[in-house]
Amino acid sequence: MNIEEVASIIYEAARLEAIWSKRSIVPEKWEDRDDRFKKQMVEVVSSYLSMDQLPTPEEAHDSWMKSYLAMGWKYGKKRDVTKKTHPDLVPFKDLPKDEQDKDAIFLALVWLVKHLL
């Protein structure tokens, strides 16, 4: 299994968890994401899998936020792929609890995959 397949599995697991948890933000399926996003996600997952200790949810969120800003996204009250707006482009402490939990769940999925590989 190559790293893009691993990243897509982790992404889809996190996306399905968002659906199951009825989160206010559920991203598109992996195959519907643009190539720039996929490349960034592969780099993040690859980096996290090589770490001895994963970042905290806050550190992961800060990294995600920097990546999104670099891809041209900006804060907006509603997530809009066309306008590239996202309500989570705020400091971790300002996120709703369920969005903070989402970051922790993503890291747990990475940890799980790391220990299964």
C-alpha atoms as a PDB file:
ATOM      1  CA  MET A   1       0.000   0.000   0.000  1.00  0.00           C
ATOM      2  CA  ASN A   2       1.466   3.379  -0.974  1.00  0.00           C
ATOM      3  CA  ILE A   3       1.277   6.568   1.099  1.00  0.00           C
ATOM      4  CA  GLU A   4      -1.477   8.128  -1.039  1.00  0.00           C
ATOM      5  CA  GLU A   5      -3.679   5.085  -0.381  1.00  0.00           C
ATOM      6  CA  VAL A   6      -2.915   5.324   3.339  1.00  0.00           C
ATOM      7  CA  ALA A   7      -3.716   9.060   3.387  1.00  0.00           C
ATOM      8  CA  SER A   8      -6.974   8.479   1.508  1.00  0.00           C
ATOM      9  CA  ILE A   9      -8.022   5.757   3.980  1.00  0.00           C
ATOM     10  CA  ILE A  10      -7.331   7.993   6.988  1.00  0.00           C
ATOM     11  CA  TYR A  11      -9.111  10.913   5.308  1.00  0.00           C
ATOM     12  CA  GLU A  12     -12.169   8.808   4.447  1.00  0.00           C
ATOM     13  CA  ALA A  13     -12.310   7.330   7.959  1.00  0.00           C
ATOM     14  CA  ALA A  14     -12.288  10.858   9.419  1.00  0.00           C
ATOM     15  CA  ARG A  15     -14.923  11.945   6.890  1.00  0.00           C
ATOM     16  CA  LEU A  16     -17.169   9.007   7.759  1.00  0.00           C
ATOM     17  CA  GLU A  17     -16.741   9.770  11.460  1.00  0.00           C
ATOM     18  CA  ALA A  18     -17.909  13.341  10.731  1.00  0.00           C
ATOM     19  CA  ILE A  19     -21.024  11.952   9.025  1.00  0.00           C
ATOM     20  CA  TRP A  20     -21.694   9.500  11.859  1.00  0.00           C
ATOM     21  CA  SER A  21     -21.210  12.229  14.484  1.00  0.00           C
ATOM     22  CA  LYS A  22     -23.448  14.613  12.515  1.00  0.00           C
ATOM     23  CA  ARG A  23     -20.764  17.294  12.516  1.00  0.00           C
ATOM     24  CA  SER A  24     -21.640  20.617  10.967  1.00  0.00           C
ATOM     25  CA  ILE A  25     -18.784  20.236   8.469  1.00  0.00           C
ATOM     26  CA  VAL A  26     -18.394  17.078   6.419  1.00  0.00           C
ATOM     27  CA  PRO A  27     -15.778  17.336   3.670  1.00  0.00           C
ATOM     28  CA  GLU A  28     -16.090  15.892   0.195  1.00  0.00           C
ATOM     29  CA  LYS A  29     -15.028  12.366  -0.665  1.00  0.00           C
ATOM     30  CA  TRP A  30     -11.308  11.903  -1.314  1.00  0.00           C
ATOM     31  CA  GLU A  31     -11.845  11.440  -5.049  1.00  0.00           C
ATOM     32  CA  ASP A  32     -13.679  14.785  -5.228  1.00  0.00           C
ATOM     33  CA  ARG A  33     -10.855  16.766  -3.604  1.00  0.00           C
ATOM     34  CA  ASP A  34      -8.451  18.755  -5.770  1.00  0.00           C
ATOM     35  CA  ASP A  35      -4.903  17.568  -6.398  1.00  0.00           C
ATOM     36  CA  ARG A  36      -3.349  20.328  -4.289  1.00  0.00           C
ATOM     37  CA  PHE A  37      -5.355  19.245  -1.260  1.00  0.00           C
ATOM     38  CA  LYS A  38      -4.522  15.576  -1.820  1.00  0.00           C
ATOM     39  CA  LYS A  39      -0.813  16.380  -2.110  1.00  0.00           C
ATOM     40  CA  GLN A  40      -0.928  18.365   1.140  1.00  0.00           C
ATOM     41  CA  MET A  41      -2.808  15.573   2.944  1.00  0.00           C
ATOM     42  CA  VAL A  42      -0.329  12.946   1.726  1.00  0.00           C
ATOM     43  CA  GLU A  43       2.551  15.101   3.001  1.00  0.00           C
ATOM     44  CA  VAL A  44       0.882  15.563   6.402  1.00  0.00           C
ATOM     45  CA  VAL A  45       0.072  11.881   6.830  1.00  0.00           C
ATOM     46  CA  SER A  46       3.554  10.851   5.695  1.00  0.00           C
ATOM     47  CA  SER A  47       5.103  13.287   8.164  1.00  0.00           C
ATOM     48  CA  TYR A  48       2.883  12.166  11.040  1.00  0.00           C
ATOM     49  CA  LEU A  49       3.560   8.483  10.361  1.00  0.00           C
ATOM     50  CA  SER A  50       7.305   9.114  10.592  1.00  0.00           C
ATOM     51  CA  MET A  51       7.101  10.914  13.968  1.00  0.00           C
ATOM     52  CA  ASP A  52       7.955   9.241  17.240  1.00  0.00           C
ATOM     53  CA  GLN A  53       5.298  11.360  18.924  1.00  0.00           C
ATOM     54  CA  LEU A  54       2.291  12.830  17.151  1.00  0.00           C
ATOM     55  CA  PRO A  55       1.460  16.517  17.534  1.00  0.00           C
ATOM     56  CA  THR A  56      -1.242  17.638  19.911  1.00  0.00           C
ATOM     57  CA  PRO A  57      -4.663  18.365  18.407  1.00  0.00           C
ATOM     58  CA  GLU A  58      -3.861  22.083  18.739  1.00  0.00           C
ATOM     59  CA  GLU A  59      -0.546  21.682  16.899  1.00  0.00           C
ATOM     60  CA  ALA A  60      -2.258  19.625  14.192  1.00  0.00           C
ATOM     61  CA  HIS A  61      -4.950  22.295  13.818  1.00  0.00           C
ATOM     62  CA  ASP A  62      -2.320  25.041  13.544  1.00  0.00           C
ATOM     63  CA  SER A  63      -0.569  23.038  10.817  1.00  0.00           C
ATOM     64  CA  TRP A  64      -3.882  22.452   9.003  1.00  0.00           C
ATOM     65  CA  MET A  65      -4.714  26.142   9.227  1.00  0.00           C
ATOM     66  CA  LYS A  66      -1.337  27.176   7.744  1.00  0.00           C
ATOM     67  CA  SER A  67      -1.814  24.685   4.906  1.00  0.00           C
ATOM     68  CA  TYR A  68      -5.311  25.920   4.117  1.00  0.00           C
ATOM     69  CA  LEU A  69      -4.232  29.564   4.180  1.00  0.00           C
ATOM     70  CA  ALA A  70      -1.344  28.692   1.843  1.00  0.00           C
ATOM     71  CA  MET A  71      -3.869  27.049  -0.524  1.00  0.00           C
ATOM     72  CA  GLY A  72      -5.796  30.353  -0.687  1.00  0.00           C
ATOM     73  CA  TRP A  73      -8.561  29.625   1.826  1.00  0.00           C
ATOM     74  CA  LYS A  74      -9.830  32.294   4.231  1.00  0.00           C
ATOM     75  CA  TYR A  75     -12.155  32.474   7.197  1.00  0.00           C
ATOM     76  CA  GLY A  76     -15.857  32.427   6.424  1.00  0.00           C
ATOM     77  CA  LYS A  77     -18.926  31.630   8.479  1.00  0.00           C
ATOM     78  CA  LYS A  78     -19.754  28.804   6.062  1.00  0.00           C
ATOM     79  CA  ARG A  79     -17.487  26.271   4.382  1.00  0.00           C
ATOM     80  CA  ASP A  80     -17.584  26.972   0.673  1.00  0.00           C
ATOM     81  CA  VAL A  81     -15.252  25.121  -1.682  1.00  0.00           C
ATOM     82  CA  THR A  82     -15.784  27.581  -4.535  1.00  0.00           C
ATOM     83  CA  LYS A  83     -15.139  30.687  -2.415  1.00  0.00           C
ATOM     84  CA  LYS A  84     -12.521  28.832  -0.352  1.00  0.00           C
ATOM     85  CA  THR A  85     -14.022  29.886   2.972  1.00  0.00           C
ATOM     86  CA  HIS A  86     -13.972  27.814   6.145  1.00  0.00           C
ATOM     87  CA  PRO A  87     -15.307  28.553   9.648  1.00  0.00           C
ATOM     88  CA  ASP A  88     -12.509  26.534  11.298  1.00  0.00           C
ATOM     89  CA  LEU A  89      -9.810  28.957  10.185  1.00  0.00           C
ATOM     90  CA  VAL A  90      -9.550  30.307  13.716  1.00  0.00           C
ATOM     91  CA  PRO A  91      -7.214  29.515  16.629  1.00  0.00           C
ATOM     92  CA  PHE A  92      -7.788  26.071  18.145  1.00  0.00           C
ATOM     93  CA  LYS A  93      -9.095  27.551  21.408  1.00  0.00           C
ATOM     94  CA  ASP A  94     -11.852  29.311  19.434  1.00  0.00           C
ATOM     95  CA  LEU A  95     -13.101  26.132  17.751  1.00  0.00           C
ATOM     96  CA  PRO A  96     -16.299  24.520  18.992  1.00  0.00           C
ATOM     97  CA  LYS A  97     -15.615  21.430  21.139  1.00  0.00           C
ATOM     98  CA  ASP A  98     -16.776  19.026  18.426  1.00  0.00           C
ATOM     99  CA  GLU A  99     -14.280  20.508  15.958  1.00  0.00           C
ATOM    100  CA  GLN A 100     -11.490  20.213  18.546  1.00  0.00           C
ATOM    101  CA  ASP A 101     -12.549  16.582  18.987  1.00  0.00           C
ATOM    102  CA  LYS A 102     -12.342  16.081  15.213  1.00  0.00           C
ATOM    103  CA  ASP A 103      -8.640  16.991  15.300  1.00  0.00           C
ATOM    104  CA  ALA A 104      -8.032  14.478  18.106  1.00  0.00           C
ATOM    105  CA  ILE A 105      -9.919  11.779  16.188  1.00  0.00           C
ATOM    106  CA  PHE A 106      -7.846  12.409  13.054  1.00  0.00           C
ATOM    107  CA  LEU A 107      -4.667  11.958  15.100  1.00  0.00           C
ATOM    108  CA  ALA A 108      -6.053   8.789  16.679  1.00  0.00           C
ATOM    109  CA  LEU A 109      -6.692   7.404  13.188  1.00  0.00           C
ATOM    110  CA  VAL A 110      -3.093   8.202  12.180  1.00  0.00           C
ATOM    111  CA  TRP A 111      -1.827   6.520  15.364  1.00  0.00           C
ATOM    112  CA  LEU A 112      -3.957   3.449  14.667  1.00  0.00           C
ATOM    113  CA  VAL A 113      -2.742   3.122  11.077  1.00  0.00           C
ATOM    114  CA  LYS A 114       0.876   3.675  12.177  1.00  0.00           C
ATOM    115  CA  HIS A 115       0.601   0.771  14.590  1.00  0.00           C
ATOM    116  CA  LEU A 116      -1.102  -1.484  12.056  1.00  0.00           C
ATOM    117  CA  LEU A 117       1.471  -0.958   9.292  1.00  0.00           C
END
